[in-house]
Amino acid sequence: MSDIKKIRRTAMVLSIVAGLVILWFSFQQVRGVYLAIGFGTYMIGGSDAALYWFLAISFVSVPIMLASLIISFSLLHSIRKEETPFTKKNTAKLKVVALLLVSFEISVTISQYIMHTVFLRYENPDHGAVMETSLGGVVMVSGLVVYCIALVFEYGISLQNQVDETL
């Protein structure tokens, strides 16, 4: 099997996985909002303001991650359908995904800090439970690595153009 067929087949499988992840992510977000509203202020610690802030802060990172997943799906589709995966359009998509991953980690960290310090401590000073969903910077580092890979691809494209012009 040629390398391009292998790349296209892998991109097709990853497109299916990305589509399933988008569906699961969307389902989890809708479920989370439903549960937050269903449990109301009991879950947050006592006030309607805390519940509204919880929902608002939750929605900060959702569009970022959803956009990252959709652009990733688009990138995989582009790799599968185009003649070569090494295009400026694909490197631009990689850069956008990288920046979205970095901004996601930052937004989650800020959101959690606000929820834990502002609302949970002031609403209930004896509250001892803290829930962290951040991966401790792993998503941000992954985003930076993806950005570097995009730069390497750009360099490879420029080298290929130079070789094509020389011949």
Protein backbone atom coordinates (compact mmCIF):
# COMPACT_ATOMS: atom_id res chain seq x y z
CA MET A 1 0.00 0.00 0.00
CA SER A 2 1.37 3.42 -0.90
CA ASP A 3 2.03 6.00 1.77
CA ILE A 4 -0.66 8.38 0.53
CA LYS A 5 -3.30 5.63 0.72
CA LYS A 6 -2.18 4.83 4.25
CA ILE A 7 -2.43 8.51 5.20
CA ARG A 8 -5.89 8.82 3.65
CA ARG A 9 -7.14 5.66 5.34
CA THR A 10 -5.81 6.83 8.70
CA ALA A 11 -7.41 10.25 8.18
CA MET A 12 -10.74 8.57 7.43
CA VAL A 13 -10.59 6.51 10.63
CA LEU A 14 -9.58 9.57 12.65
CA SER A 15 -12.40 11.56 11.03
CA ILE A 16 -14.87 8.99 12.33
CA VAL A 17 -13.28 9.17 15.78
CA ALA A 18 -13.34 13.00 15.69
CA GLY A 19 -17.01 12.96 14.68
CA LEU A 20 -17.85 10.64 17.56
CA VAL A 21 -15.90 12.85 19.98
CA ILE A 22 -17.80 15.93 18.74
CA LEU A 23 -21.10 14.14 19.34
CA TRP A 24 -20.03 12.91 22.79
CA PHE A 25 -18.69 16.34 23.77
CA SER A 26 -21.95 17.99 22.69
CA PHE A 27 -24.00 15.42 24.61
CA GLN A 28 -21.90 15.91 27.75
CA GLN A 29 -22.27 19.69 27.59
CA VAL A 30 -26.06 19.52 27.21
CA ARG A 31 -26.21 16.95 30.02
CA GLY A 32 -24.04 19.14 32.25
CA VAL A 33 -26.25 22.18 31.74
CA TYR A 34 -29.35 20.09 32.38
CA LEU A 35 -27.89 18.72 35.60
CA ALA A 36 -26.69 22.14 36.75
CA ILE A 37 -30.11 23.66 36.21
CA GLY A 38 -31.84 20.58 37.62
CA PHE A 39 -29.84 20.60 40.84
CA GLY A 40 -29.98 24.38 40.93
CA THR A 41 -28.47 26.18 43.84
CA TYR A 42 -28.19 23.01 45.89
CA MET A 43 -25.25 21.91 43.73
CA ILE A 44 -23.45 25.26 43.83
CA GLY A 45 -23.86 26.16 47.44
CA GLY A 46 -26.80 28.39 48.03
CA SER A 47 -27.39 31.34 45.72
CA ASP A 48 -28.87 31.88 42.30
CA ALA A 49 -25.97 34.20 41.43
CA ALA A 50 -23.49 31.38 41.95
CA LEU A 51 -25.51 29.11 39.68
CA TYR A 52 -25.63 31.74 36.91
CA TRP A 53 -21.90 32.36 37.21
CA PHE A 54 -21.26 28.63 37.13
CA LEU A 55 -23.19 28.31 33.88
CA ALA A 56 -21.56 31.41 32.34
CA ILE A 57 -18.06 30.26 33.20
CA SER A 58 -18.82 26.78 31.90
CA PHE A 59 -19.76 28.25 28.55
CA VAL A 60 -16.43 30.07 28.17
CA SER A 61 -14.46 26.94 27.35
CA VAL A 62 -17.17 25.03 25.46
CA PRO A 63 -17.03 27.11 22.24
CA ILE A 64 -13.24 26.95 22.27
CA MET A 65 -13.14 23.17 22.49
CA LEU A 66 -16.01 22.71 20.05
CA ALA A 67 -14.26 24.96 17.50
CA SER A 68 -11.04 22.98 18.00
CA LEU A 69 -12.85 19.69 17.38
CA ILE A 70 -14.63 20.99 14.28
CA ILE A 71 -11.44 22.44 12.77
CA SER A 72 -9.65 19.17 13.53
CA PHE A 73 -12.42 17.28 11.75
CA SER A 74 -12.10 19.69 8.80
CA LEU A 75 -8.33 19.14 8.72
CA LEU A 76 -8.75 15.37 8.63
CA HIS A 77 -11.32 15.69 5.86
CA SER A 78 -8.93 17.90 3.89
CA ILE A 79 -6.10 15.41 4.31
CA ARG A 80 -8.35 12.61 3.13
CA LYS A 81 -9.69 14.41 0.05
CA GLU A 82 -6.80 16.50 -1.29
CA GLU A 83 -3.88 15.36 -3.40
CA THR A 84 -1.31 16.17 -0.73
CA PRO A 85 -1.74 16.88 2.97
CA PHE A 86 1.08 19.43 2.88
CA THR A 87 -0.79 22.62 2.05
CA LYS A 88 -0.76 26.09 3.54
CA LYS A 89 -4.45 25.71 4.30
CA ASN A 90 -3.77 22.64 6.45
CA THR A 91 -0.90 24.30 8.29
CA ALA A 92 -3.17 27.27 9.02
CA LYS A 93 -5.76 24.87 10.46
CA LEU A 94 -3.07 23.24 12.60
CA LYS A 95 -2.05 26.64 13.96
CA VAL A 96 -5.65 27.55 14.79
CA VAL A 97 -6.18 24.23 16.59
CA ALA A 98 -2.95 24.80 18.52
CA LEU A 99 -3.97 28.28 19.62
CA LEU A 100 -7.44 27.02 20.60
CA LEU A 101 -5.90 24.27 22.74
CA VAL A 102 -3.70 26.80 24.53
CA SER A 103 -6.63 29.19 25.08
CA PHE A 104 -8.81 26.29 26.30
CA GLU A 105 -6.35 25.38 29.05
CA ILE A 106 -6.04 29.01 30.10
CA SER A 107 -9.82 29.56 30.14
CA VAL A 108 -10.45 26.40 32.17
CA THR A 109 -7.82 27.40 34.72
CA ILE A 110 -9.25 30.92 35.08
CA SER A 111 -12.81 29.58 35.28
CA GLN A 112 -11.92 27.13 38.02
CA TYR A 113 -10.04 29.76 39.97
CA ILE A 114 -13.03 32.10 39.87
CA MET A 115 -15.48 29.37 40.88
CA HIS A 116 -13.33 28.07 43.73
CA THR A 117 -12.12 31.33 45.19
CA VAL A 118 -15.00 33.69 44.57
CA PHE A 119 -18.13 31.62 44.86
CA LEU A 120 -17.49 28.43 46.75
CA ARG A 121 -15.41 30.06 49.48
CA TYR A 122 -17.65 33.09 49.94
CA GLU A 123 -20.90 31.17 49.68
CA ASN A 124 -19.77 28.45 52.05
CA PRO A 125 -16.46 29.09 53.84
CA ASP A 126 -16.45 25.57 55.31
CA HIS A 127 -16.75 24.00 51.87
CA GLY A 128 -13.90 21.53 51.53
CA ALA A 129 -14.55 19.86 48.19
CA VAL A 130 -12.70 21.18 45.18
CA MET A 131 -13.12 19.73 41.71
CA GLU A 132 -10.40 20.28 39.12
CA THR A 133 -10.89 19.39 35.46
CA SER A 134 -7.69 20.89 34.10
CA LEU A 135 -4.93 18.50 33.11
CA GLY A 136 -2.25 20.61 34.71
CA GLY A 137 -0.99 22.26 31.55
CA VAL A 138 -0.88 19.13 29.38
CA VAL A 139 -3.43 20.54 26.90
CA MET A 140 -1.49 23.80 26.67
CA VAL A 141 1.81 22.00 26.04
CA SER A 142 0.07 19.80 23.44
CA GLY A 143 -1.17 22.95 21.72
CA LEU A 144 2.34 24.39 21.65
CA VAL A 145 3.70 21.14 20.19
CA VAL A 146 1.00 21.17 17.49
CA TYR A 147 1.97 24.77 16.69
CA CYS A 148 5.63 23.74 16.30
CA ILE A 149 4.57 20.87 14.02
CA ALA A 150 2.64 23.37 11.90
CA LEU A 151 5.81 25.48 11.61
CA VAL A 152 7.78 22.39 10.55
CA PHE A 153 5.13 21.64 7.91
CA GLU A 154 5.37 25.23 6.64
CA TYR A 155 9.12 24.89 6.36
CA GLY A 156 8.70 21.58 4.51
CA ILE A 157 6.26 23.19 2.08
CA SER A 158 8.72 26.00 1.35
CA LEU A 159 11.52 23.47 0.79
CA GLN A 160 9.31 21.46 -1.55
CA ASN A 161 8.47 24.63 -3.51
CA GLN A 162 12.18 25.43 -3.84
CA VAL A 163 12.92 21.92 -5.09
CA ASP A 164 10.02 22.10 -7.58
CA GLU A 165 11.27 25.47 -8.89
CA THR A 166 14.84 24.15 -9.21
CA LEU A 167 13.76 21.18 -11.32
